[in-house]
Amino acid sequence: MTEIQTPRLLLRRWRDDDLVPMAEINADPEVMQWIGDGSVRDLEQTAQDIERWEEEWDEEGFGLFAVELLASGELVGCVGLSVPHFLPDVLPAVEISWRLGRPFWGQGYASEAAHASLEFALQDRGLDRVISIARLGNDASENVVRKLGMELDHETTHPEYGFRLHIYAIDLTEYEA
């Protein structure tokens, strides 16, 4: 089982008891405003998400981690790697992304977990390049991306929803652990 421990967080595979807290995160309109079309997701949709993330782990050897606080075991959200099939013009690519519950915003958890995931991608999984996709206006995510050392690669349009996206990238040769 793949696990990564940071000073404050445990990044791990998904468990059955993660469904309800992740569904609560997905039900928050402020959390979801920058994801997909901005719609909230219910318990059933969250279960489908987690199943898809676990399948990606099995098929690709990477996926989205469940992120919990070491101090309390509380689920913070998710962070990790996925193939962004929704955006064909960047393929083949592996994207790093995160989604944290609102009570965990502004405490550096996204940056801490994303840094551990990026290190996992480039050092443990042997990826040469990782991208991050941020919707224009999502300043908080763009701040995390910059903290990871990623640079703006290009701008594009979401093929389904029509909004502008910034594509950031980092190559193994540019990465400093």
N, C-alpha and C. Protein backbone atom coordinates (compact mmCIF):
# COMPACT_ATOMS: atom_id res chain seq x y z
N MET A 1 0.84 -1.19 0.00
CA MET A 1 0.00 0.00 0.00
C MET A 1 0.88 1.25 0.00
N THR A 2 0.57 2.16 -0.90
CA THR A 2 1.36 3.37 -1.04
C THR A 2 0.90 4.43 -0.04
N GLU A 3 1.84 4.87 0.77
CA GLU A 3 1.58 5.94 1.74
C GLU A 3 2.77 6.88 1.77
N ILE A 4 2.46 8.15 1.97
CA ILE A 4 3.50 9.16 2.13
C ILE A 4 3.15 9.96 3.38
N GLN A 5 4.14 10.13 4.23
CA GLN A 5 3.93 10.94 5.43
C GLN A 5 4.74 12.22 5.30
N THR A 6 4.08 13.34 5.58
CA THR A 6 4.74 14.64 5.64
C THR A 6 4.73 15.06 7.11
N PRO A 7 5.28 16.21 7.44
CA PRO A 7 5.27 16.59 8.86
C PRO A 7 3.88 16.62 9.51
N ARG A 8 2.84 16.96 8.73
CA ARG A 8 1.50 17.08 9.33
C ARG A 8 0.44 16.17 8.71
N LEU A 9 0.79 15.51 7.61
CA LEU A 9 -0.22 14.82 6.83
C LEU A 9 0.17 13.38 6.50
N LEU A 10 -0.85 12.56 6.27
CA LEU A 10 -0.67 11.23 5.72
C LEU A 10 -1.42 11.17 4.41
N LEU A 11 -0.69 10.85 3.35
CA LEU A 11 -1.28 10.64 2.03
C LEU A 11 -1.36 9.14 1.83
N ARG A 12 -2.56 8.64 1.55
CA ARG A 12 -2.77 7.19 1.51
C ARG A 12 -3.87 6.85 0.53
N ARG A 13 -4.01 5.55 0.28
CA ARG A 13 -5.11 5.06 -0.56
C ARG A 13 -6.43 5.24 0.18
N TRP A 14 -7.51 5.11 -0.56
CA TRP A 14 -8.85 5.36 -0.04
C TRP A 14 -9.40 4.19 0.75
N ARG A 15 -10.16 4.52 1.81
CA ARG A 15 -10.85 3.53 2.63
C ARG A 15 -12.35 3.82 2.60
N ASP A 16 -13.15 2.81 2.98
CA ASP A 16 -14.61 2.97 2.97
C ASP A 16 -15.06 4.14 3.83
N ASP A 17 -14.39 4.36 4.97
CA ASP A 17 -14.84 5.42 5.86
C ASP A 17 -14.45 6.83 5.38
N ASP A 18 -13.81 6.93 4.22
CA ASP A 18 -13.49 8.24 3.63
C ASP A 18 -14.66 8.79 2.82
N LEU A 19 -15.63 7.94 2.47
CA LEU A 19 -16.69 8.37 1.57
C LEU A 19 -17.50 9.54 2.11
N VAL A 20 -17.99 9.44 3.32
CA VAL A 20 -18.85 10.50 3.86
C VAL A 20 -18.09 11.81 4.01
N PRO A 21 -16.89 11.83 4.63
CA PRO A 21 -16.20 13.13 4.73
C PRO A 21 -15.82 13.71 3.36
N MET A 22 -15.47 12.87 2.39
CA MET A 22 -15.15 13.40 1.06
C MET A 22 -16.41 13.93 0.39
N ALA A 23 -17.54 13.26 0.59
CA ALA A 23 -18.81 13.74 0.04
C ALA A 23 -19.18 15.09 0.64
N GLU A 24 -18.88 15.29 1.92
CA GLU A 24 -19.15 16.59 2.55
C GLU A 24 -18.28 17.69 1.92
N ILE A 25 -17.04 17.36 1.61
CA ILE A 25 -16.15 18.31 0.93
C ILE A 25 -16.72 18.63 -0.45
N ASN A 26 -17.13 17.59 -1.18
CA ASN A 26 -17.66 17.76 -2.54
C ASN A 26 -19.01 18.47 -2.57
N ALA A 27 -19.71 18.52 -1.44
CA ALA A 27 -21.02 19.17 -1.38
C ALA A 27 -20.91 20.67 -1.10
N ASP A 28 -19.70 21.16 -0.87
CA ASP A 28 -19.49 22.57 -0.55
C ASP A 28 -19.30 23.37 -1.86
N PRO A 29 -20.23 24.28 -2.16
CA PRO A 29 -20.12 25.05 -3.41
C PRO A 29 -18.82 25.85 -3.53
N GLU A 30 -18.29 26.33 -2.41
CA GLU A 30 -17.03 27.09 -2.48
C GLU A 30 -15.86 26.20 -2.86
N VAL A 31 -15.85 24.97 -2.37
CA VAL A 31 -14.80 24.02 -2.73
C VAL A 31 -14.89 23.68 -4.22
N MET A 32 -16.10 23.46 -4.70
CA MET A 32 -16.29 22.94 -6.05
C MET A 32 -16.32 24.01 -7.14
N GLN A 33 -16.31 25.28 -6.76
CA GLN A 33 -16.47 26.34 -7.76
C GLN A 33 -15.42 26.31 -8.87
N TRP A 34 -14.24 25.77 -8.61
CA TRP A 34 -13.17 25.75 -9.61
C TRP A 34 -13.00 24.38 -10.27
N ILE A 35 -13.84 23.42 -9.93
CA ILE A 35 -13.69 22.04 -10.41
C ILE A 35 -14.79 21.72 -11.41
N GLY A 36 -14.37 21.23 -12.58
CA GLY A 36 -15.34 20.90 -13.62
C GLY A 36 -16.21 22.10 -13.94
N ASP A 37 -17.53 21.88 -13.94
CA ASP A 37 -18.46 22.97 -14.25
C ASP A 37 -18.87 23.73 -12.99
N GLY A 38 -18.25 23.39 -11.85
CA GLY A 38 -18.54 24.08 -10.60
C GLY A 38 -19.67 23.47 -9.79
N SER A 39 -20.25 22.38 -10.29
CA SER A 39 -21.35 21.74 -9.58
C SER A 39 -20.86 20.96 -8.37
N VAL A 40 -21.68 20.95 -7.32
CA VAL A 40 -21.37 20.10 -6.17
C VAL A 40 -21.65 18.64 -6.55
N ARG A 41 -21.10 17.73 -5.75
CA ARG A 41 -21.26 16.30 -6.01
C ARG A 41 -21.87 15.66 -4.77
N ASP A 42 -22.78 14.72 -5.00
CA ASP A 42 -23.46 14.05 -3.89
C ASP A 42 -22.70 12.80 -3.47
N LEU A 43 -23.28 12.07 -2.54
CA LEU A 43 -22.63 10.87 -2.00
C LEU A 43 -22.36 9.84 -3.09
N GLU A 44 -23.35 9.59 -3.94
CA GLU A 44 -23.18 8.59 -5.01
C GLU A 44 -22.11 9.02 -6.01
N GLN A 45 -22.10 10.28 -6.39
CA GLN A 45 -21.08 10.78 -7.32
C GLN A 45 -19.69 10.71 -6.69
N THR A 46 -19.60 11.00 -5.40
CA THR A 46 -18.33 10.92 -4.69
C THR A 46 -17.84 9.48 -4.65
N ALA A 47 -18.75 8.54 -4.42
CA ALA A 47 -18.38 7.12 -4.43
C ALA A 47 -17.83 6.73 -5.81
N GLN A 48 -18.44 7.24 -6.86
CA GLN A 48 -17.95 6.97 -8.22
C GLN A 48 -16.58 7.58 -8.44
N ASP A 49 -16.38 8.79 -7.92
CA ASP A 49 -15.06 9.45 -8.02
C ASP A 49 -13.99 8.60 -7.36
N ILE A 50 -14.25 8.18 -6.12
CA ILE A 50 -13.26 7.41 -5.38
C ILE A 50 -12.98 6.08 -6.09
N GLU A 51 -14.02 5.46 -6.61
CA GLU A 51 -13.82 4.21 -7.36
C GLU A 51 -12.94 4.45 -8.58
N ARG A 52 -13.18 5.55 -9.30
CA ARG A 52 -12.38 5.89 -10.48
C ARG A 52 -10.93 6.17 -10.08
N TRP A 53 -10.74 6.89 -8.95
CA TRP A 53 -9.38 7.20 -8.49
C TRP A 53 -8.64 5.92 -8.12
N GLU A 54 -9.32 5.01 -7.48
CA GLU A 54 -8.69 3.73 -7.11
C GLU A 54 -8.36 2.90 -8.35
N GLU A 55 -9.23 2.92 -9.35
CA GLU A 55 -8.95 2.22 -10.61
C GLU A 55 -7.71 2.80 -11.28
N GLU A 56 -7.55 4.11 -11.21
CA GLU A 56 -6.37 4.73 -11.81
C GLU A 56 -5.10 4.26 -11.08
N TRP A 57 -5.20 4.13 -9.76
CA TRP A 57 -4.07 3.57 -9.00
C TRP A 57 -3.70 2.20 -9.55
N ASP A 58 -4.70 1.36 -9.76
CA ASP A 58 -4.46 0.00 -10.22
C ASP A 58 -3.92 -0.04 -11.66
N GLU A 59 -4.42 0.86 -12.50
CA GLU A 59 -4.03 0.85 -13.91
C GLU A 59 -2.73 1.61 -14.19
N GLU A 60 -2.52 2.73 -13.51
CA GLU A 60 -1.40 3.62 -13.82
C GLU A 60 -0.26 3.56 -12.80
N GLY A 61 -0.55 3.06 -11.60
CA GLY A 61 0.47 3.08 -10.55
C GLY A 61 0.52 4.41 -9.82
N PHE A 62 -0.44 5.26 -10.07
CA PHE A 62 -0.59 6.53 -9.36
C PHE A 62 -2.06 6.90 -9.36
N GLY A 63 -2.39 7.90 -8.55
CA GLY A 63 -3.77 8.35 -8.47
C GLY A 63 -3.89 9.45 -7.44
N LEU A 64 -5.12 9.73 -7.06
CA LEU A 64 -5.36 10.72 -6.02
C LEU A 64 -5.31 10.04 -4.66
N PHE A 65 -4.51 10.60 -3.79
CA PHE A 65 -4.41 10.13 -2.41
C PHE A 65 -5.55 10.72 -1.58
N ALA A 66 -6.02 9.97 -0.59
CA ALA A 66 -6.79 10.54 0.50
C ALA A 66 -5.76 11.21 1.41
N VAL A 67 -6.07 12.41 1.89
CA VAL A 67 -5.15 13.16 2.74
C VAL A 67 -5.78 13.32 4.11
N GLU A 68 -5.07 12.86 5.14
CA GLU A 68 -5.59 13.01 6.50
C GLU A 68 -4.57 13.72 7.38
N LEU A 69 -5.10 14.38 8.40
CA LEU A 69 -4.25 15.03 9.39
C LEU A 69 -3.63 13.96 10.28
N LEU A 70 -2.33 14.00 10.45
CA LEU A 70 -1.68 13.04 11.33
C LEU A 70 -2.17 13.18 12.76
N ALA A 71 -2.38 14.41 13.20
CA ALA A 71 -2.74 14.66 14.60
C ALA A 71 -4.10 14.08 14.99
N SER A 72 -5.05 14.09 14.04
CA SER A 72 -6.42 13.68 14.39
C SER A 72 -6.98 12.55 13.54
N GLY A 73 -6.36 12.24 12.41
CA GLY A 73 -6.90 11.25 11.49
C GLY A 73 -8.04 11.78 10.65
N GLU A 74 -8.33 13.06 10.77
CA GLU A 74 -9.43 13.68 10.03
C GLU A 74 -9.08 13.79 8.54
N LEU A 75 -10.04 13.48 7.66
CA LEU A 75 -9.83 13.61 6.22
C LEU A 75 -9.83 15.09 5.83
N VAL A 76 -8.76 15.52 5.19
CA VAL A 76 -8.59 16.90 4.75
C VAL A 76 -9.13 17.07 3.33
N GLY A 77 -8.98 16.02 2.51
CA GLY A 77 -9.39 16.07 1.12
C GLY A 77 -8.58 15.09 0.31
N CYS A 78 -8.23 15.50 -0.92
CA CYS A 78 -7.45 14.62 -1.78
C CYS A 78 -6.39 15.43 -2.52
N VAL A 79 -5.34 14.75 -2.88
CA VAL A 79 -4.26 15.33 -3.67
C VAL A 79 -3.60 14.19 -4.42
N GLY A 80 -3.07 14.48 -5.59
CA GLY A 80 -2.34 13.43 -6.28
C GLY A 80 -2.31 13.62 -7.77
N LEU A 81 -2.19 12.49 -8.45
CA LEU A 81 -1.91 12.47 -9.87
C LEU A 81 -3.04 11.82 -10.65
N SER A 82 -3.28 12.33 -11.85
CA SER A 82 -4.26 11.72 -12.73
C SER A 82 -3.93 12.09 -14.18
N VAL A 83 -4.50 11.34 -15.09
CA VAL A 83 -4.37 11.65 -16.51
C VAL A 83 -5.57 12.53 -16.87
N PRO A 84 -5.32 13.75 -17.36
CA PRO A 84 -6.42 14.69 -17.65
C PRO A 84 -7.09 14.42 -19.00
N HIS A 85 -7.84 13.34 -19.07
CA HIS A 85 -8.48 12.94 -20.32
C HIS A 85 -9.44 14.01 -20.85
N PHE A 86 -9.98 14.84 -19.96
CA PHE A 86 -10.93 15.88 -20.37
C PHE A 86 -10.29 16.96 -21.24
N LEU A 87 -8.95 17.00 -21.27
CA LEU A 87 -8.24 18.04 -22.01
C LEU A 87 -7.25 17.40 -23.00
N PRO A 88 -7.78 16.92 -24.13
CA PRO A 88 -6.94 16.16 -25.06
C PRO A 88 -5.70 16.88 -25.57
N ASP A 89 -5.73 18.22 -25.64
CA ASP A 89 -4.57 18.92 -26.21
C ASP A 89 -3.33 18.87 -25.32
N VAL A 90 -3.43 18.39 -24.07
CA VAL A 90 -2.24 18.27 -23.23
C VAL A 90 -1.73 16.83 -23.16
N LEU A 91 -2.48 15.91 -23.72
CA LEU A 91 -2.10 14.49 -23.63
C LEU A 91 -0.96 14.16 -24.57
N PRO A 92 -0.09 13.24 -24.24
CA PRO A 92 -0.08 12.49 -22.98
C PRO A 92 0.50 13.34 -21.86
N ALA A 93 -0.15 13.36 -20.75
CA ALA A 93 0.30 14.15 -19.61
C ALA A 93 -0.22 13.53 -18.33
N VAL A 94 0.45 13.87 -17.24
CA VAL A 94 -0.02 13.52 -15.90
C VAL A 94 -0.16 14.83 -15.15
N GLU A 95 -1.32 14.99 -14.53
CA GLU A 95 -1.66 16.23 -13.83
C GLU A 95 -1.57 16.01 -12.32
N ILE A 96 -1.08 17.02 -11.61
CA ILE A 96 -1.17 17.03 -10.17
C ILE A 96 -2.31 17.98 -9.79
N SER A 97 -3.14 17.54 -8.85
CA SER A 97 -4.28 18.37 -8.44
C SER A 97 -4.60 18.11 -6.98
N TRP A 98 -5.46 18.95 -6.42
CA TRP A 98 -5.83 18.84 -5.01
C TRP A 98 -7.23 19.40 -4.82
N ARG A 99 -7.86 18.93 -3.77
CA ARG A 99 -9.18 19.42 -3.35
C ARG A 99 -9.26 19.23 -1.85
N LEU A 100 -9.29 20.32 -1.13
CA LEU A 100 -9.34 20.28 0.33
C LEU A 100 -10.63 20.90 0.85
N GLY A 101 -11.09 20.39 1.97
CA GLY A 101 -12.25 20.98 2.63
C GLY A 101 -11.92 22.39 3.10
N ARG A 102 -12.92 23.23 3.08
CA ARG A 102 -12.73 24.64 3.42
C ARG A 102 -12.09 24.88 4.78
N PRO A 103 -12.42 24.08 5.82
CA PRO A 103 -11.76 24.33 7.11
C PRO A 103 -10.24 24.16 7.08
N PHE A 104 -9.72 23.56 6.00
CA PHE A 104 -8.28 23.29 5.90
C PHE A 104 -7.57 24.24 4.95
N TRP A 105 -8.27 25.22 4.43
CA TRP A 105 -7.67 26.20 3.54
C TRP A 105 -6.79 27.16 4.34
N GLY A 106 -5.76 27.69 3.67
CA GLY A 106 -4.95 28.75 4.24
C GLY A 106 -3.97 28.30 5.31
N GLN A 107 -3.74 27.00 5.42
CA GLN A 107 -2.84 26.48 6.45
C GLN A 107 -1.61 25.78 5.86
N GLY A 108 -1.48 25.85 4.55
CA GLY A 108 -0.33 25.23 3.89
C GLY A 108 -0.47 23.75 3.62
N TYR A 109 -1.64 23.18 3.90
CA TYR A 109 -1.82 21.74 3.68
C TYR A 109 -1.77 21.37 2.19
N ALA A 110 -2.38 22.19 1.34
CA ALA A 110 -2.37 21.89 -0.10
C ALA A 110 -0.94 21.88 -0.62
N SER A 111 -0.16 22.88 -0.25
CA SER A 111 1.24 22.94 -0.71
C SER A 111 2.05 21.77 -0.18
N GLU A 112 1.86 21.43 1.09
CA GLU A 112 2.60 20.32 1.71
C GLU A 112 2.28 19.00 1.03
N ALA A 113 0.99 18.75 0.81
CA ALA A 113 0.58 17.50 0.19
C ALA A 113 0.96 17.46 -1.29
N ALA A 114 0.81 18.58 -1.98
CA ALA A 114 1.15 18.63 -3.40
C ALA A 114 2.65 18.44 -3.61
N HIS A 115 3.46 19.02 -2.74
CA HIS A 115 4.92 18.84 -2.85
C HIS A 115 5.28 17.37 -2.70
N ALA A 116 4.66 16.70 -1.73
CA ALA A 116 4.93 15.26 -1.53
C ALA A 116 4.47 14.46 -2.75
N SER A 117 3.34 14.83 -3.34
CA SER A 117 2.83 14.13 -4.53
C SER A 117 3.73 14.36 -5.74
N LEU A 118 4.24 15.58 -5.88
CA LEU A 118 5.13 15.88 -6.99
C LEU A 118 6.43 15.09 -6.85
N GLU A 119 6.96 15.04 -5.66
CA GLU A 119 8.17 14.25 -5.41
C GLU A 119 7.92 12.77 -5.73
N PHE A 120 6.76 12.26 -5.32
CA PHE A 120 6.35 10.89 -5.62
C PHE A 120 6.32 10.66 -7.14
N ALA A 121 5.76 11.62 -7.87
CA ALA A 121 5.63 11.49 -9.33
C ALA A 121 6.98 11.44 -10.01
N LEU A 122 7.85 12.36 -9.65
CA LEU A 122 9.12 12.51 -10.36
C LEU A 122 10.19 11.55 -9.88
N GLN A 123 10.17 11.20 -8.59
CA GLN A 123 11.23 10.34 -8.07
C GLN A 123 10.80 8.89 -7.94
N ASP A 124 9.62 8.64 -7.41
CA ASP A 124 9.18 7.25 -7.21
C ASP A 124 8.56 6.64 -8.45
N ARG A 125 7.79 7.42 -9.20
CA ARG A 125 7.10 6.89 -10.38
C ARG A 125 7.85 7.14 -11.67
N GLY A 126 8.94 7.88 -11.60
CA GLY A 126 9.80 8.07 -12.77
C GLY A 126 9.20 8.90 -13.88
N LEU A 127 8.25 9.76 -13.57
CA LEU A 127 7.68 10.63 -14.60
C LEU A 127 8.69 11.72 -14.94
N ASP A 128 8.77 12.09 -16.21
CA ASP A 128 9.69 13.12 -16.65
C ASP A 128 9.10 14.52 -16.55
N ARG A 129 7.76 14.58 -16.53
CA ARG A 129 7.09 15.88 -16.56
C ARG A 129 5.73 15.74 -15.89
N VAL A 130 5.33 16.78 -15.16
CA VAL A 130 4.02 16.83 -14.52
C VAL A 130 3.43 18.19 -14.82
N ILE A 131 2.13 18.22 -15.08
CA ILE A 131 1.45 19.48 -15.32
C ILE A 131 0.44 19.74 -14.19
N SER A 132 -0.03 20.96 -14.14
CA SER A 132 -1.15 21.32 -13.28
C SER A 132 -2.05 22.25 -14.08
N ILE A 133 -3.34 22.06 -13.95
CA ILE A 133 -4.32 22.81 -14.71
C ILE A 133 -5.10 23.68 -13.73
N ALA A 134 -5.09 24.99 -13.96
CA ALA A 134 -5.78 25.92 -13.07
C ALA A 134 -6.71 26.80 -13.90
N ARG A 135 -7.93 26.90 -13.45
CA ARG A 135 -8.89 27.79 -14.09
C ARG A 135 -8.50 29.23 -13.78
N LEU A 136 -8.55 30.10 -14.79
CA LEU A 136 -8.24 31.51 -14.58
C LEU A 136 -9.11 32.06 -13.46
N GLY A 137 -8.49 32.76 -12.52
CA GLY A 137 -9.18 33.31 -11.38
C GLY A 137 -9.00 32.51 -10.11
N ASN A 138 -8.53 31.28 -10.23
CA ASN A 138 -8.31 30.43 -9.05
C ASN A 138 -6.92 30.74 -8.49
N ASP A 139 -6.83 31.90 -7.87
CA ASP A 139 -5.54 32.40 -7.38
C ASP A 139 -4.91 31.49 -6.34
N ALA A 140 -5.73 30.89 -5.48
CA ALA A 140 -5.18 30.01 -4.43
C ALA A 140 -4.45 28.83 -5.04
N SER A 141 -5.05 28.20 -6.06
CA SER A 141 -4.38 27.06 -6.70
C SER A 141 -3.14 27.51 -7.46
N GLU A 142 -3.23 28.67 -8.10
CA GLU A 142 -2.06 29.14 -8.83
C GLU A 142 -0.91 29.46 -7.88
N ASN A 143 -1.21 29.90 -6.66
CA ASN A 143 -0.16 30.12 -5.66
C ASN A 143 0.51 28.80 -5.28
N VAL A 144 -0.29 27.74 -5.11
CA VAL A 144 0.28 26.42 -4.79
C VAL A 144 1.17 25.96 -5.93
N VAL A 145 0.70 26.12 -7.15
CA VAL A 145 1.47 25.70 -8.33
C VAL A 145 2.83 26.38 -8.35
N ARG A 146 2.84 27.66 -8.09
CA ARG A 146 4.11 28.40 -8.11
C ARG A 146 5.04 27.93 -6.98
N LYS A 147 4.47 27.62 -5.82
CA LYS A 147 5.28 27.10 -4.71
C LYS A 147 5.93 25.77 -5.07
N LEU A 148 5.30 25.02 -5.98
CA LEU A 148 5.87 23.75 -6.43
C LEU A 148 7.00 23.95 -7.44
N GLY A 149 7.22 25.19 -7.87
CA GLY A 149 8.26 25.47 -8.86
C GLY A 149 7.79 25.28 -10.28
N MET A 150 6.48 25.14 -10.48
CA MET A 150 5.94 24.96 -11.82
C MET A 150 5.84 26.31 -12.51
N GLU A 151 5.99 26.30 -13.83
CA GLU A 151 5.93 27.53 -14.61
C GLU A 151 4.81 27.43 -15.62
N LEU A 152 4.25 28.59 -15.95
CA LEU A 152 3.17 28.64 -16.93
C LEU A 152 3.69 28.13 -18.27
N ASP A 153 3.02 27.12 -18.79
CA ASP A 153 3.39 26.52 -20.07
C ASP A 153 2.57 27.15 -21.21
N HIS A 154 1.26 27.20 -21.00
CA HIS A 154 0.38 27.84 -21.99
C HIS A 154 -1.02 28.02 -21.41
N GLU A 155 -1.83 28.74 -22.16
CA GLU A 155 -3.22 28.95 -21.80
C GLU A 155 -4.08 28.26 -22.85
N THR A 156 -5.20 27.71 -22.42
CA THR A 156 -6.10 27.04 -23.35
C THR A 156 -7.53 27.24 -22.86
N THR A 157 -8.47 26.66 -23.58
CA THR A 157 -9.88 26.76 -23.24
C THR A 157 -10.40 25.37 -22.89
N HIS A 158 -11.19 25.29 -21.83
CA HIS A 158 -11.81 24.01 -21.47
C HIS A 158 -12.72 23.59 -22.62
N PRO A 159 -12.53 22.38 -23.17
CA PRO A 159 -13.27 21.98 -24.36
C PRO A 159 -14.78 21.84 -24.14
N GLU A 160 -15.21 21.57 -22.94
CA GLU A 160 -16.63 21.39 -22.68
C GLU A 160 -17.30 22.65 -22.14
N TYR A 161 -16.62 23.36 -21.22
CA TYR A 161 -17.27 24.47 -20.53
C TYR A 161 -16.86 25.85 -21.04
N GLY A 162 -15.80 25.92 -21.84
CA GLY A 162 -15.43 27.16 -22.49
C GLY A 162 -14.65 28.18 -21.69
N PHE A 163 -14.34 27.90 -20.42
CA PHE A 163 -13.57 28.88 -19.65
C PHE A 163 -12.08 28.68 -19.89
N ARG A 164 -11.31 29.71 -19.58
CA ARG A 164 -9.87 29.70 -19.82
C ARG A 164 -9.14 28.93 -18.72
N LEU A 165 -8.10 28.23 -19.13
CA LEU A 165 -7.28 27.43 -18.23
C LEU A 165 -5.82 27.79 -18.40
N HIS A 166 -5.09 27.86 -17.30
CA HIS A 166 -3.63 27.97 -17.33
C HIS A 166 -3.07 26.57 -17.15
N ILE A 167 -2.14 26.21 -18.01
CA ILE A 167 -1.45 24.93 -17.90
C ILE A 167 -0.03 25.22 -17.42
N TYR A 168 0.28 24.71 -16.24
CA TYR A 168 1.61 24.84 -15.66
C TYR A 168 2.33 23.51 -15.84
N ALA A 169 3.66 23.56 -15.84
CA ALA A 169 4.42 22.33 -16.01
C ALA A 169 5.75 22.44 -15.27
N ILE A 170 6.27 21.26 -14.95
CA ILE A 170 7.63 21.14 -14.40
C ILE A 170 8.22 19.86 -14.95
N ASP A 171 9.46 19.94 -15.36
CA ASP A 171 10.20 18.78 -15.85
C ASP A 171 11.10 18.27 -14.74
N LEU A 172 11.43 17.01 -14.81
CA LEU A 172 12.33 16.40 -13.83
C LEU A 172 13.62 17.20 -13.71
N THR A 173 14.12 17.72 -14.83
CA THR A 173 15.39 18.47 -14.81
C THR A 173 15.26 19.79 -14.07
N GLU A 174 14.03 20.31 -13.91
CA GLU A 174 13.81 21.58 -13.21
C GLU A 174 13.44 21.40 -11.75
N TYR A 175 13.16 20.17 -11.36
CA TYR A 175 12.63 19.89 -10.03
C TYR A 175 13.72 19.90 -8.98
N GLU A 176 13.46 20.57 -7.87
CA GLU A 176 14.36 20.57 -6.73
C GLU A 176 13.59 20.07 -5.51
N ALA A 177 13.94 18.90 -5.02
CA ALA A 177 13.21 18.29 -3.90
C ALA A 177 13.31 19.12 -2.64
